[in-house]
Amino acid sequence: MKKLFLNSALGLALLAATAGAARADGVGALQQFVAEVKSGRASFTQTVSSPDGRRKKSSSGSFEFQRPNQFRFSYEKPAPQLIIGDGKKVWVYDPELAQATVRAMDQALGATPVALLAGGDLQREFELKNLPSEQGLDWVQASPRRSDSGFQGLKLGFKGQTLAAMEFTDAFGQRSLMQFSEVQVNTRLPAERFRFDPPAGTDVVQSR
């Protein structure tokens, strides 16, 4: 699950409703989200499929973010895991292993979906393209401009003015589908939600 942090879970950085987006197309909704949504929270379900589609893993939890550079992913099922960006560092904490991995934020983000949450340059980092509507959703494709982004592509599905789904494929062909519910945008979040103090006895690993 830790490697899914930059490759799929952190795609949740784009999850919040687009709060008042006037344009119906996916590209316009995404651009307005980046410009106007400063904070948010939501519940999510995530299904990860192997490249051949035969093996699947499901998880669920909650997500919170606040610009700039702060986010919190709390996986609840099937196993607890916490991912926190505090503005300078990114922490990945596994309570069952009593282990926390920490990495500098500028090294962790790059041209990943979470870069949009952290205030990245949308046009510089991604090429955007409207896709045909499917299953009642308007889709936009966000392709990374950098070859070292670690993923092949990202599709975001909007229902009206709300981002309802995200489909992500990593560099190895592993596919993640995320669906969002109970979305709140531009809500006030306590500062302590984006701080992490390793519990006593935690093995802290510095990642590069």
N, C-alpha and C. Protein backbone atom coordinates (compact mmCIF):
# COMPACT_ATOMS: atom_id res chain seq x y z
N MET A 1 0.82 -1.21 0.00
CA MET A 1 0.00 0.00 0.00
C MET A 1 0.85 1.25 0.00
N LYS A 2 2.08 1.17 0.52
CA LYS A 2 2.90 2.37 0.58
C LYS A 2 3.21 2.92 -0.80
N LYS A 3 3.49 2.03 -1.76
CA LYS A 3 3.83 2.51 -3.09
C LYS A 3 2.62 3.10 -3.80
N LEU A 4 1.42 2.74 -3.34
CA LEU A 4 0.23 3.32 -3.92
C LEU A 4 0.08 4.78 -3.53
N PHE A 5 0.84 5.22 -2.52
CA PHE A 5 0.74 6.60 -2.02
C PHE A 5 0.90 7.61 -3.14
N LEU A 6 2.01 7.49 -3.91
CA LEU A 6 2.25 8.46 -4.96
C LEU A 6 1.57 8.07 -6.26
N ASN A 7 1.20 6.82 -6.39
CA ASN A 7 0.72 6.34 -7.67
C ASN A 7 -0.79 6.25 -7.79
N SER A 8 -1.49 6.13 -6.64
CA SER A 8 -2.93 6.04 -6.75
C SER A 8 -3.64 6.72 -5.61
N ALA A 9 -3.31 6.40 -4.38
CA ALA A 9 -4.01 7.00 -3.26
C ALA A 9 -3.91 8.49 -3.31
N LEU A 10 -2.75 8.98 -3.65
CA LEU A 10 -2.58 10.41 -3.66
C LEU A 10 -3.28 11.06 -4.82
N GLY A 11 -3.73 10.26 -5.73
CA GLY A 11 -4.61 10.84 -6.72
C GLY A 11 -5.84 11.42 -6.08
N LEU A 12 -6.13 11.02 -4.87
CA LEU A 12 -7.24 11.60 -4.13
C LEU A 12 -7.08 13.09 -3.92
N ALA A 13 -5.92 13.59 -4.16
CA ALA A 13 -5.72 15.01 -4.05
C ALA A 13 -6.66 15.77 -4.96
N LEU A 14 -7.20 15.12 -5.95
CA LEU A 14 -8.10 15.76 -6.89
C LEU A 14 -9.57 15.49 -6.57
N LEU A 15 -9.84 14.87 -5.43
CA LEU A 15 -11.16 14.30 -5.25
C LEU A 15 -12.29 15.27 -5.01
N ALA A 16 -12.07 16.42 -4.39
CA ALA A 16 -13.19 17.21 -3.88
C ALA A 16 -14.10 17.68 -4.99
N ALA A 17 -15.34 17.96 -4.64
CA ALA A 17 -16.27 18.49 -5.62
C ALA A 17 -15.75 19.79 -6.19
N THR A 18 -16.13 20.10 -7.38
CA THR A 18 -15.58 21.29 -8.02
C THR A 18 -16.36 22.54 -7.67
N ALA A 19 -17.15 22.50 -6.67
CA ALA A 19 -17.74 23.66 -6.01
C ALA A 19 -18.05 24.82 -6.90
N GLY A 20 -19.17 24.73 -7.61
CA GLY A 20 -19.60 25.87 -8.40
C GLY A 20 -19.02 25.91 -9.79
N ALA A 21 -18.44 24.82 -10.28
CA ALA A 21 -17.89 24.84 -11.62
C ALA A 21 -19.00 25.12 -12.62
N ALA A 22 -18.79 26.14 -13.44
CA ALA A 22 -19.83 26.57 -14.35
C ALA A 22 -19.81 25.77 -15.65
N ARG A 23 -18.64 25.25 -16.04
CA ARG A 23 -18.53 24.55 -17.30
C ARG A 23 -18.83 23.07 -17.12
N ALA A 24 -19.47 22.43 -18.11
CA ALA A 24 -19.89 21.05 -17.98
C ALA A 24 -18.78 20.07 -18.34
N ASP A 25 -17.80 20.47 -19.16
CA ASP A 25 -16.78 19.53 -19.59
C ASP A 25 -15.80 19.26 -18.47
N GLY A 26 -15.14 18.07 -18.56
CA GLY A 26 -14.24 17.66 -17.50
C GLY A 26 -13.04 18.56 -17.34
N VAL A 27 -12.45 19.01 -18.46
CA VAL A 27 -11.28 19.88 -18.38
C VAL A 27 -11.62 21.17 -17.66
N GLY A 28 -12.73 21.79 -18.01
CA GLY A 28 -13.14 23.03 -17.36
C GLY A 28 -13.41 22.84 -15.88
N ALA A 29 -14.04 21.72 -15.52
CA ALA A 29 -14.33 21.45 -14.12
C ALA A 29 -13.04 21.27 -13.33
N LEU A 30 -12.09 20.54 -13.90
CA LEU A 30 -10.81 20.32 -13.21
C LEU A 30 -10.05 21.63 -13.04
N GLN A 31 -10.02 22.44 -14.07
CA GLN A 31 -9.32 23.72 -13.98
C GLN A 31 -9.94 24.61 -12.92
N GLN A 32 -11.25 24.60 -12.83
CA GLN A 32 -11.91 25.43 -11.82
C GLN A 32 -11.69 24.88 -10.42
N PHE A 33 -11.64 23.56 -10.31
CA PHE A 33 -11.33 22.96 -9.01
C PHE A 33 -9.97 23.42 -8.51
N VAL A 34 -8.96 23.34 -9.37
CA VAL A 34 -7.61 23.74 -8.98
C VAL A 34 -7.57 25.21 -8.57
N ALA A 35 -8.35 26.04 -9.26
CA ALA A 35 -8.34 27.48 -8.99
C ALA A 35 -9.12 27.86 -7.74
N GLU A 36 -10.20 27.12 -7.42
CA GLU A 36 -11.13 27.61 -6.40
C GLU A 36 -11.21 26.78 -5.13
N VAL A 37 -10.94 25.48 -5.21
CA VAL A 37 -11.10 24.63 -4.03
C VAL A 37 -9.80 24.64 -3.22
N LYS A 38 -9.86 25.16 -2.02
CA LYS A 38 -8.66 25.32 -1.18
C LYS A 38 -8.55 24.26 -0.09
N SER A 39 -9.63 23.60 0.24
CA SER A 39 -9.60 22.56 1.26
C SER A 39 -10.78 21.63 1.04
N GLY A 40 -10.72 20.45 1.66
CA GLY A 40 -11.84 19.53 1.51
C GLY A 40 -11.62 18.23 2.25
N ARG A 41 -12.70 17.45 2.32
CA ARG A 41 -12.64 16.11 2.91
C ARG A 41 -13.66 15.24 2.19
N ALA A 42 -13.42 13.92 2.23
CA ALA A 42 -14.32 12.97 1.59
C ALA A 42 -14.00 11.56 2.07
N SER A 43 -14.94 10.66 1.86
CA SER A 43 -14.70 9.24 2.03
C SER A 43 -14.37 8.65 0.67
N PHE A 44 -13.61 7.55 0.66
CA PHE A 44 -13.27 6.94 -0.62
C PHE A 44 -13.27 5.42 -0.52
N THR A 45 -13.52 4.78 -1.64
CA THR A 45 -13.27 3.35 -1.82
C THR A 45 -12.30 3.21 -2.98
N GLN A 46 -11.40 2.25 -2.89
CA GLN A 46 -10.37 2.08 -3.89
C GLN A 46 -10.28 0.61 -4.28
N THR A 47 -10.28 0.34 -5.58
CA THR A 47 -10.10 -1.01 -6.09
C THR A 47 -8.86 -1.03 -6.98
N VAL A 48 -7.89 -1.85 -6.63
CA VAL A 48 -6.64 -1.96 -7.38
C VAL A 48 -6.65 -3.29 -8.12
N SER A 49 -6.44 -3.23 -9.45
CA SER A 49 -6.46 -4.43 -10.29
C SER A 49 -5.09 -4.67 -10.90
N SER A 50 -4.71 -5.94 -11.02
CA SER A 50 -3.46 -6.31 -11.68
C SER A 50 -3.58 -6.00 -13.17
N PRO A 51 -2.46 -5.93 -13.89
CA PRO A 51 -2.52 -5.60 -15.32
C PRO A 51 -3.43 -6.52 -16.13
N ASP A 52 -3.54 -7.79 -15.75
CA ASP A 52 -4.42 -8.70 -16.49
C ASP A 52 -5.85 -8.67 -15.98
N GLY A 53 -6.12 -7.90 -14.94
CA GLY A 53 -7.46 -7.75 -14.41
C GLY A 53 -7.95 -8.90 -13.57
N ARG A 54 -7.11 -9.89 -13.32
CA ARG A 54 -7.56 -11.08 -12.60
C ARG A 54 -7.50 -10.93 -11.09
N ARG A 55 -6.57 -10.14 -10.60
CA ARG A 55 -6.42 -9.97 -9.16
C ARG A 55 -6.85 -8.56 -8.76
N LYS A 56 -7.64 -8.49 -7.72
CA LYS A 56 -8.15 -7.19 -7.26
C LYS A 56 -8.03 -7.08 -5.75
N LYS A 57 -7.74 -5.87 -5.29
CA LYS A 57 -7.69 -5.58 -3.87
C LYS A 57 -8.54 -4.33 -3.61
N SER A 58 -9.31 -4.38 -2.55
CA SER A 58 -10.19 -3.25 -2.22
C SER A 58 -9.80 -2.65 -0.88
N SER A 59 -9.96 -1.34 -0.77
CA SER A 59 -9.68 -0.64 0.48
C SER A 59 -10.62 0.55 0.58
N SER A 60 -10.67 1.13 1.77
CA SER A 60 -11.54 2.29 1.97
C SER A 60 -10.98 3.15 3.09
N GLY A 61 -11.42 4.40 3.12
CA GLY A 61 -10.95 5.30 4.16
C GLY A 61 -11.45 6.71 3.93
N SER A 62 -10.70 7.67 4.45
CA SER A 62 -11.09 9.07 4.34
C SER A 62 -9.89 9.91 3.93
N PHE A 63 -10.18 11.08 3.39
CA PHE A 63 -9.14 11.96 2.86
C PHE A 63 -9.47 13.40 3.24
N GLU A 64 -8.42 14.16 3.59
CA GLU A 64 -8.56 15.59 3.88
C GLU A 64 -7.38 16.32 3.25
N PHE A 65 -7.60 17.55 2.82
CA PHE A 65 -6.49 18.34 2.30
C PHE A 65 -6.73 19.83 2.55
N GLN A 66 -5.63 20.55 2.56
CA GLN A 66 -5.67 22.00 2.68
C GLN A 66 -4.46 22.58 1.97
N ARG A 67 -4.70 23.45 1.04
CA ARG A 67 -3.59 24.07 0.32
C ARG A 67 -2.95 25.16 1.17
N PRO A 68 -1.64 25.37 1.05
CA PRO A 68 -0.76 24.60 0.19
C PRO A 68 -0.10 23.45 0.94
N ASN A 69 0.08 22.34 0.24
CA ASN A 69 0.99 21.27 0.64
C ASN A 69 0.59 20.50 1.89
N GLN A 70 -0.68 20.41 2.20
CA GLN A 70 -1.11 19.64 3.37
C GLN A 70 -2.21 18.66 2.98
N PHE A 71 -2.04 17.40 3.39
CA PHE A 71 -3.05 16.39 3.08
C PHE A 71 -2.96 15.24 4.08
N ARG A 72 -4.04 14.48 4.17
CA ARG A 72 -4.12 13.37 5.11
C ARG A 72 -4.99 12.27 4.50
N PHE A 73 -4.42 11.09 4.30
CA PHE A 73 -5.15 9.91 3.87
C PHE A 73 -5.18 8.94 5.03
N SER A 74 -6.36 8.51 5.40
CA SER A 74 -6.50 7.55 6.49
C SER A 74 -7.18 6.29 5.93
N TYR A 75 -6.37 5.25 5.68
CA TYR A 75 -6.93 3.97 5.25
C TYR A 75 -7.45 3.24 6.48
N GLU A 76 -8.67 2.72 6.37
CA GLU A 76 -9.30 2.04 7.49
C GLU A 76 -9.46 0.54 7.25
N LYS A 77 -9.83 0.16 6.03
CA LYS A 77 -10.02 -1.25 5.68
C LYS A 77 -9.26 -1.53 4.38
N PRO A 78 -8.67 -2.73 4.24
CA PRO A 78 -8.68 -3.87 5.18
C PRO A 78 -7.66 -3.74 6.31
N ALA A 79 -6.72 -2.78 6.18
CA ALA A 79 -5.70 -2.59 7.22
C ALA A 79 -5.47 -1.10 7.39
N PRO A 80 -5.24 -0.65 8.62
CA PRO A 80 -5.03 0.78 8.86
C PRO A 80 -3.68 1.25 8.30
N GLN A 81 -3.70 2.45 7.76
CA GLN A 81 -2.48 3.11 7.30
C GLN A 81 -2.77 4.61 7.24
N LEU A 82 -1.76 5.40 7.56
CA LEU A 82 -1.92 6.85 7.60
C LEU A 82 -0.85 7.50 6.73
N ILE A 83 -1.27 8.42 5.87
CA ILE A 83 -0.35 9.16 5.00
C ILE A 83 -0.60 10.65 5.23
N ILE A 84 0.42 11.39 5.64
CA ILE A 84 0.25 12.80 5.98
C ILE A 84 1.32 13.64 5.29
N GLY A 85 0.88 14.69 4.62
CA GLY A 85 1.78 15.71 4.11
C GLY A 85 1.64 16.94 4.97
N ASP A 86 2.73 17.34 5.65
CA ASP A 86 2.63 18.44 6.61
C ASP A 86 3.09 19.78 6.04
N GLY A 87 3.38 19.82 4.74
CA GLY A 87 3.85 21.05 4.11
C GLY A 87 5.32 20.98 3.75
N LYS A 88 6.08 20.16 4.48
CA LYS A 88 7.51 20.01 4.21
C LYS A 88 7.90 18.55 3.99
N LYS A 89 7.21 17.66 4.68
CA LYS A 89 7.53 16.24 4.59
C LYS A 89 6.26 15.43 4.35
N VAL A 90 6.47 14.22 3.82
CA VAL A 90 5.39 13.26 3.65
C VAL A 90 5.68 12.05 4.53
N TRP A 91 4.72 11.72 5.39
CA TRP A 91 4.84 10.60 6.31
C TRP A 91 3.91 9.48 5.88
N VAL A 92 4.41 8.24 5.89
CA VAL A 92 3.59 7.05 5.66
C VAL A 92 3.74 6.17 6.89
N TYR A 93 2.65 5.98 7.62
CA TYR A 93 2.71 5.28 8.91
C TYR A 93 1.87 4.01 8.86
N ASP A 94 2.51 2.90 9.21
CA ASP A 94 1.85 1.60 9.31
C ASP A 94 1.79 1.21 10.78
N PRO A 95 0.64 1.34 11.43
CA PRO A 95 0.56 1.05 12.87
C PRO A 95 0.78 -0.42 13.19
N GLU A 96 0.43 -1.33 12.28
CA GLU A 96 0.60 -2.75 12.56
C GLU A 96 2.08 -3.13 12.58
N LEU A 97 2.88 -2.47 11.73
CA LEU A 97 4.32 -2.73 11.70
C LEU A 97 5.08 -1.80 12.64
N ALA A 98 4.39 -0.80 13.20
CA ALA A 98 5.04 0.22 14.04
C ALA A 98 6.19 0.86 13.29
N GLN A 99 5.92 1.23 12.03
CA GLN A 99 6.95 1.81 11.17
C GLN A 99 6.42 3.04 10.45
N ALA A 100 7.25 4.07 10.36
CA ALA A 100 6.91 5.29 9.63
C ALA A 100 8.02 5.60 8.64
N THR A 101 7.65 5.89 7.41
CA THR A 101 8.60 6.31 6.39
C THR A 101 8.39 7.80 6.13
N VAL A 102 9.47 8.57 6.08
CA VAL A 102 9.36 10.00 5.87
C VAL A 102 10.23 10.41 4.69
N ARG A 103 9.72 11.36 3.90
CA ARG A 103 10.42 11.82 2.70
C ARG A 103 10.13 13.29 2.50
N ALA A 104 11.11 14.03 1.99
CA ALA A 104 10.91 15.45 1.71
C ALA A 104 9.80 15.61 0.68
N MET A 105 8.92 16.59 0.88
CA MET A 105 7.76 16.73 0.02
C MET A 105 8.14 17.03 -1.42
N ASP A 106 9.14 17.87 -1.66
CA ASP A 106 9.48 18.21 -3.03
C ASP A 106 10.00 16.99 -3.79
N GLN A 107 10.56 16.01 -3.08
CA GLN A 107 11.01 14.78 -3.70
C GLN A 107 9.86 13.81 -3.90
N ALA A 108 8.88 13.86 -3.03
CA ALA A 108 7.78 12.90 -3.07
C ALA A 108 6.73 13.25 -4.12
N LEU A 109 6.52 14.52 -4.38
CA LEU A 109 5.42 14.92 -5.24
C LEU A 109 5.72 14.76 -6.72
N GLY A 110 6.68 15.55 -7.23
CA GLY A 110 6.98 15.50 -8.66
C GLY A 110 5.75 15.83 -9.49
N ALA A 111 5.66 15.19 -10.65
CA ALA A 111 4.52 15.39 -11.55
C ALA A 111 3.46 14.32 -11.29
N THR A 112 3.05 14.18 -10.03
CA THR A 112 2.03 13.21 -9.65
C THR A 112 0.70 13.94 -9.47
N PRO A 113 -0.41 13.18 -9.41
CA PRO A 113 -1.69 13.84 -9.20
C PRO A 113 -1.74 14.71 -7.96
N VAL A 114 -1.05 14.30 -6.90
CA VAL A 114 -1.10 15.09 -5.68
C VAL A 114 -0.46 16.46 -5.86
N ALA A 115 0.36 16.63 -6.90
CA ALA A 115 0.97 17.93 -7.15
C ALA A 115 -0.10 19.00 -7.37
N LEU A 116 -1.25 18.59 -7.89
CA LEU A 116 -2.33 19.56 -8.08
C LEU A 116 -2.87 20.04 -6.75
N LEU A 117 -2.97 19.13 -5.78
CA LEU A 117 -3.38 19.50 -4.43
C LEU A 117 -2.38 20.45 -3.81
N ALA A 118 -1.09 20.17 -4.06
CA ALA A 118 -0.03 20.94 -3.41
C ALA A 118 0.25 22.26 -4.10
N GLY A 119 -0.54 22.60 -5.11
CA GLY A 119 -0.36 23.88 -5.77
C GLY A 119 0.51 23.81 -7.00
N GLY A 120 0.62 22.62 -7.60
CA GLY A 120 1.43 22.48 -8.81
C GLY A 120 0.84 23.22 -9.99
N ASP A 121 1.65 23.40 -11.02
CA ASP A 121 1.23 24.08 -12.23
C ASP A 121 0.52 23.07 -13.12
N LEU A 122 -0.79 23.17 -13.22
CA LEU A 122 -1.61 22.20 -13.94
C LEU A 122 -1.18 22.07 -15.39
N GLN A 123 -1.05 23.19 -16.10
CA GLN A 123 -0.73 23.16 -17.52
C GLN A 123 0.71 22.71 -17.75
N ARG A 124 1.61 23.03 -16.83
CA ARG A 124 3.01 22.66 -17.01
C ARG A 124 3.23 21.18 -16.77
N GLU A 125 2.55 20.60 -15.79
CA GLU A 125 2.79 19.23 -15.40
C GLU A 125 1.94 18.22 -16.16
N PHE A 126 0.77 18.64 -16.66
CA PHE A 126 -0.16 17.69 -17.27
C PHE A 126 -0.71 18.20 -18.60
N GLU A 127 -0.96 17.27 -19.50
CA GLU A 127 -1.69 17.56 -20.73
C GLU A 127 -3.12 17.08 -20.52
N LEU A 128 -4.09 17.98 -20.68
CA LEU A 128 -5.49 17.67 -20.40
C LEU A 128 -6.28 17.46 -21.68
N LYS A 129 -7.21 16.50 -21.63
CA LYS A 129 -8.01 16.19 -22.81
C LYS A 129 -9.37 15.69 -22.37
N ASN A 130 -10.43 16.26 -22.93
CA ASN A 130 -11.78 15.78 -22.66
C ASN A 130 -11.98 14.42 -23.31
N LEU A 131 -12.63 13.50 -22.58
CA LEU A 131 -12.95 12.18 -23.08
C LEU A 131 -14.47 12.03 -23.21
N PRO A 132 -14.93 11.05 -23.98
CA PRO A 132 -16.39 10.84 -24.10
C PRO A 132 -17.02 10.51 -22.75
N SER A 133 -18.24 10.94 -22.57
CA SER A 133 -18.97 10.64 -21.34
C SER A 133 -19.30 9.15 -21.30
N GLU A 134 -19.16 8.57 -20.10
CA GLU A 134 -19.46 7.16 -19.90
C GLU A 134 -20.09 6.97 -18.53
N GLN A 135 -21.09 6.09 -18.47
CA GLN A 135 -21.74 5.74 -17.21
C GLN A 135 -22.20 6.97 -16.44
N GLY A 136 -22.69 7.95 -17.17
CA GLY A 136 -23.24 9.16 -16.55
C GLY A 136 -22.21 10.14 -16.05
N LEU A 137 -20.93 9.95 -16.40
CA LEU A 137 -19.87 10.84 -15.94
C LEU A 137 -19.18 11.50 -17.13
N ASP A 138 -18.74 12.76 -16.93
CA ASP A 138 -17.91 13.47 -17.90
C ASP A 138 -16.45 13.23 -17.50
N TRP A 139 -15.65 12.71 -18.45
CA TRP A 139 -14.29 12.29 -18.13
C TRP A 139 -13.26 13.23 -18.75
N VAL A 140 -12.17 13.43 -18.01
CA VAL A 140 -11.02 14.19 -18.51
C VAL A 140 -9.78 13.34 -18.29
N GLN A 141 -8.91 13.33 -19.27
CA GLN A 141 -7.64 12.61 -19.16
C GLN A 141 -6.52 13.59 -18.83
N ALA A 142 -5.73 13.27 -17.81
CA ALA A 142 -4.58 14.09 -17.42
C ALA A 142 -3.32 13.26 -17.61
N SER A 143 -2.56 13.56 -18.66
CA SER A 143 -1.35 12.80 -18.97
C SER A 143 -0.13 13.58 -18.50
N PRO A 144 0.76 12.94 -17.73
CA PRO A 144 1.94 13.65 -17.24
C PRO A 144 2.87 14.01 -18.39
N ARG A 145 3.41 15.21 -18.35
CA ARG A 145 4.36 15.64 -19.38
C ARG A 145 5.75 15.07 -19.12
N ARG A 146 6.05 14.72 -17.87
CA ARG A 146 7.36 14.20 -17.52
C ARG A 146 7.39 12.68 -17.66
N SER A 147 8.49 12.15 -18.19
CA SER A 147 8.62 10.72 -18.39
C SER A 147 8.89 9.97 -17.10
N ASP A 148 9.32 10.68 -16.05
CA ASP A 148 9.67 10.03 -14.78
C ASP A 148 8.57 10.20 -13.74
N SER A 149 7.35 10.40 -14.17
CA SER A 149 6.26 10.65 -13.22
C SER A 149 5.85 9.42 -12.45
N GLY A 150 6.13 8.22 -12.97
CA GLY A 150 5.79 6.99 -12.27
C GLY A 150 4.41 6.47 -12.57
N PHE A 151 3.67 7.10 -13.48
CA PHE A 151 2.38 6.58 -13.88
C PHE A 151 2.11 6.88 -15.34
N GLN A 152 1.22 6.07 -15.94
CA GLN A 152 0.92 6.20 -17.36
C GLN A 152 -0.12 7.26 -17.64
N GLY A 153 -1.10 7.35 -16.78
CA GLY A 153 -2.16 8.32 -17.03
C GLY A 153 -3.21 8.33 -15.93
N LEU A 154 -4.05 9.33 -15.98
CA LEU A 154 -5.07 9.55 -14.97
C LEU A 154 -6.35 10.02 -15.64
N LYS A 155 -7.47 9.39 -15.31
CA LYS A 155 -8.77 9.80 -15.81
C LYS A 155 -9.64 10.21 -14.64
N LEU A 156 -10.29 11.35 -14.75
CA LEU A 156 -11.16 11.86 -13.71
C LEU A 156 -12.57 11.93 -14.24
N GLY A 157 -13.53 11.42 -13.47
CA GLY A 157 -14.92 11.41 -13.87
C GLY A 157 -15.76 12.35 -13.03
N PHE A 158 -16.43 13.30 -13.69
CA PHE A 158 -17.26 14.28 -13.00
C PHE A 158 -18.74 13.99 -13.23
N LYS A 159 -19.51 14.10 -12.18
CA LYS A 159 -20.96 14.02 -12.29
C LYS A 159 -21.51 15.39 -11.93
N GLY A 160 -21.95 16.11 -12.94
CA GLY A 160 -22.33 17.50 -12.71
C GLY A 160 -21.11 18.30 -12.32
N GLN A 161 -21.12 18.86 -11.13
CA GLN A 161 -20.02 19.69 -10.65
C GLN A 161 -19.14 18.97 -9.63
N THR A 162 -19.33 17.66 -9.50
CA THR A 162 -18.60 16.91 -8.49
C THR A 162 -17.71 15.84 -9.12
N LEU A 163 -16.48 15.74 -8.66
CA LEU A 163 -15.60 14.67 -9.10
C LEU A 163 -16.01 13.38 -8.40
N ALA A 164 -16.54 12.44 -9.17
CA ALA A 164 -17.13 11.24 -8.60
C ALA A 164 -16.22 10.03 -8.66
N ALA A 165 -15.26 10.03 -9.58
CA ALA A 165 -14.40 8.84 -9.74
C ALA A 165 -13.07 9.23 -10.33
N MET A 166 -12.08 8.40 -10.08
CA MET A 166 -10.76 8.56 -10.66
C MET A 166 -10.23 7.19 -11.06
N GLU A 167 -9.72 7.10 -12.27
CA GLU A 167 -9.10 5.87 -12.75
C GLU A 167 -7.64 6.15 -13.05
N PHE A 168 -6.76 5.35 -12.46
CA PHE A 168 -5.33 5.62 -12.52
C PHE A 168 -4.58 4.35 -12.92
N THR A 169 -3.61 4.48 -13.84
CA THR A 169 -2.78 3.35 -14.25
C THR A 169 -1.32 3.69 -13.99
N ASP A 170 -0.63 2.84 -13.20
CA ASP A 170 0.76 3.14 -12.88
C ASP A 170 1.69 2.65 -13.98
N ALA A 171 2.99 2.83 -13.77
CA ALA A 171 3.97 2.51 -14.80
C ALA A 171 4.03 1.03 -15.12
N PHE A 172 3.50 0.17 -14.24
CA PHE A 172 3.53 -1.28 -14.45
C PHE A 172 2.21 -1.82 -14.96
N GLY A 173 1.27 -0.93 -15.26
CA GLY A 173 -0.02 -1.36 -15.77
C GLY A 173 -1.04 -1.72 -14.72
N GLN A 174 -0.71 -1.47 -13.46
CA GLN A 174 -1.65 -1.72 -12.37
C GLN A 174 -2.69 -0.61 -12.34
N ARG A 175 -3.96 -0.97 -12.31
CA ARG A 175 -5.05 0.00 -12.43
C ARG A 175 -5.74 0.21 -11.09
N SER A 176 -6.00 1.46 -10.75
CA SER A 176 -6.72 1.81 -9.53
C SER A 176 -7.98 2.59 -9.90
N LEU A 177 -9.07 2.21 -9.31
CA LEU A 177 -10.32 2.95 -9.48
C LEU A 177 -10.76 3.45 -8.12
N MET A 178 -10.93 4.75 -8.00
CA MET A 178 -11.38 5.36 -6.75
C MET A 178 -12.73 6.01 -6.96
N GLN A 179 -13.60 5.81 -5.99
CA GLN A 179 -14.93 6.42 -6.01
C GLN A 179 -15.12 7.19 -4.70
N PHE A 180 -15.73 8.36 -4.80
CA PHE A 180 -15.79 9.29 -3.68
C PHE A 180 -17.21 9.54 -3.22
N SER A 181 -17.36 9.77 -1.93
CA SER A 181 -18.67 10.06 -1.35
C SER A 181 -18.50 11.01 -0.17
N GLU A 182 -19.61 11.58 0.28
CA GLU A 182 -19.62 12.50 1.43
C GLU A 182 -18.59 13.62 1.26
N VAL A 183 -18.56 14.18 0.07
CA VAL A 183 -17.57 15.21 -0.26
C VAL A 183 -17.96 16.56 0.34
N GLN A 184 -16.99 17.22 0.98
CA GLN A 184 -17.16 18.59 1.47
C GLN A 184 -15.98 19.42 0.96
N VAL A 185 -16.26 20.61 0.47
CA VAL A 185 -15.18 21.45 -0.05
C VAL A 185 -15.13 22.79 0.68
N ASN A 186 -13.91 23.36 0.69
CA ASN A 186 -13.66 24.65 1.34
C ASN A 186 -14.18 24.66 2.77
N THR A 187 -13.92 23.55 3.46
CA THR A 187 -14.31 23.43 4.86
C THR A 187 -13.11 23.71 5.75
N ARG A 188 -13.34 24.23 6.94
CA ARG A 188 -12.25 24.53 7.87
C ARG A 188 -11.77 23.25 8.54
N LEU A 189 -10.45 23.02 8.48
CA LEU A 189 -9.87 21.81 9.05
C LEU A 189 -8.83 22.19 10.10
N PRO A 190 -8.82 21.51 11.25
CA PRO A 190 -7.85 21.81 12.31
C PRO A 190 -6.42 21.57 11.84
N ALA A 191 -5.50 22.42 12.27
CA ALA A 191 -4.11 22.31 11.84
C ALA A 191 -3.50 20.98 12.26
N GLU A 192 -3.93 20.43 13.39
CA GLU A 192 -3.34 19.19 13.87
C GLU A 192 -3.66 17.98 12.99
N ARG A 193 -4.64 18.11 12.09
CA ARG A 193 -4.94 17.02 11.18
C ARG A 193 -3.79 16.76 10.22
N PHE A 194 -2.91 17.74 10.06
CA PHE A 194 -1.81 17.63 9.10
C PHE A 194 -0.45 17.58 9.79
N ARG A 195 -0.45 17.18 11.05
CA ARG A 195 0.80 16.97 11.78
C ARG A 195 0.92 15.50 12.14
N PHE A 196 2.17 15.02 12.14
CA PHE A 196 2.39 13.63 12.55
C PHE A 196 3.56 13.55 13.51
N ASP A 197 3.29 13.01 14.69
CA ASP A 197 4.31 12.75 15.68
C ASP A 197 4.38 11.24 15.87
N PRO A 198 5.48 10.61 15.46
CA PRO A 198 5.58 9.15 15.57
C PRO A 198 5.33 8.67 17.00
N PRO A 199 4.42 7.72 17.19
CA PRO A 199 4.19 7.18 18.53
C PRO A 199 5.46 6.53 19.09
N ALA A 200 5.55 6.45 20.39
CA ALA A 200 6.71 5.82 21.04
C ALA A 200 6.89 4.40 20.52
N GLY A 201 8.13 4.05 20.21
CA GLY A 201 8.43 2.72 19.72
C GLY A 201 8.35 2.57 18.21
N THR A 202 8.01 3.65 17.51
CA THR A 202 7.90 3.58 16.05
C THR A 202 9.28 3.62 15.41
N ASP A 203 9.52 2.74 14.46
CA ASP A 203 10.75 2.73 13.68
C ASP A 203 10.60 3.72 12.53
N VAL A 204 11.39 4.81 12.54
CA VAL A 204 11.28 5.84 11.52
C VAL A 204 12.38 5.63 10.48
N VAL A 205 11.95 5.52 9.21
CA VAL A 205 12.86 5.28 8.10
C VAL A 205 12.88 6.50 7.19
N GLN A 206 14.05 7.04 6.93
CA GLN A 206 14.20 8.19 6.04
C GLN A 206 14.32 7.66 4.61
N SER A 207 13.39 8.06 3.75
CA SER A 207 13.38 7.59 2.36
C SER A 207 13.90 8.68 1.44
N ARG A 208 14.52 8.29 0.33
CA ARG A 208 15.02 9.23 -0.66
C ARG A 208 14.43 8.94 -2.02
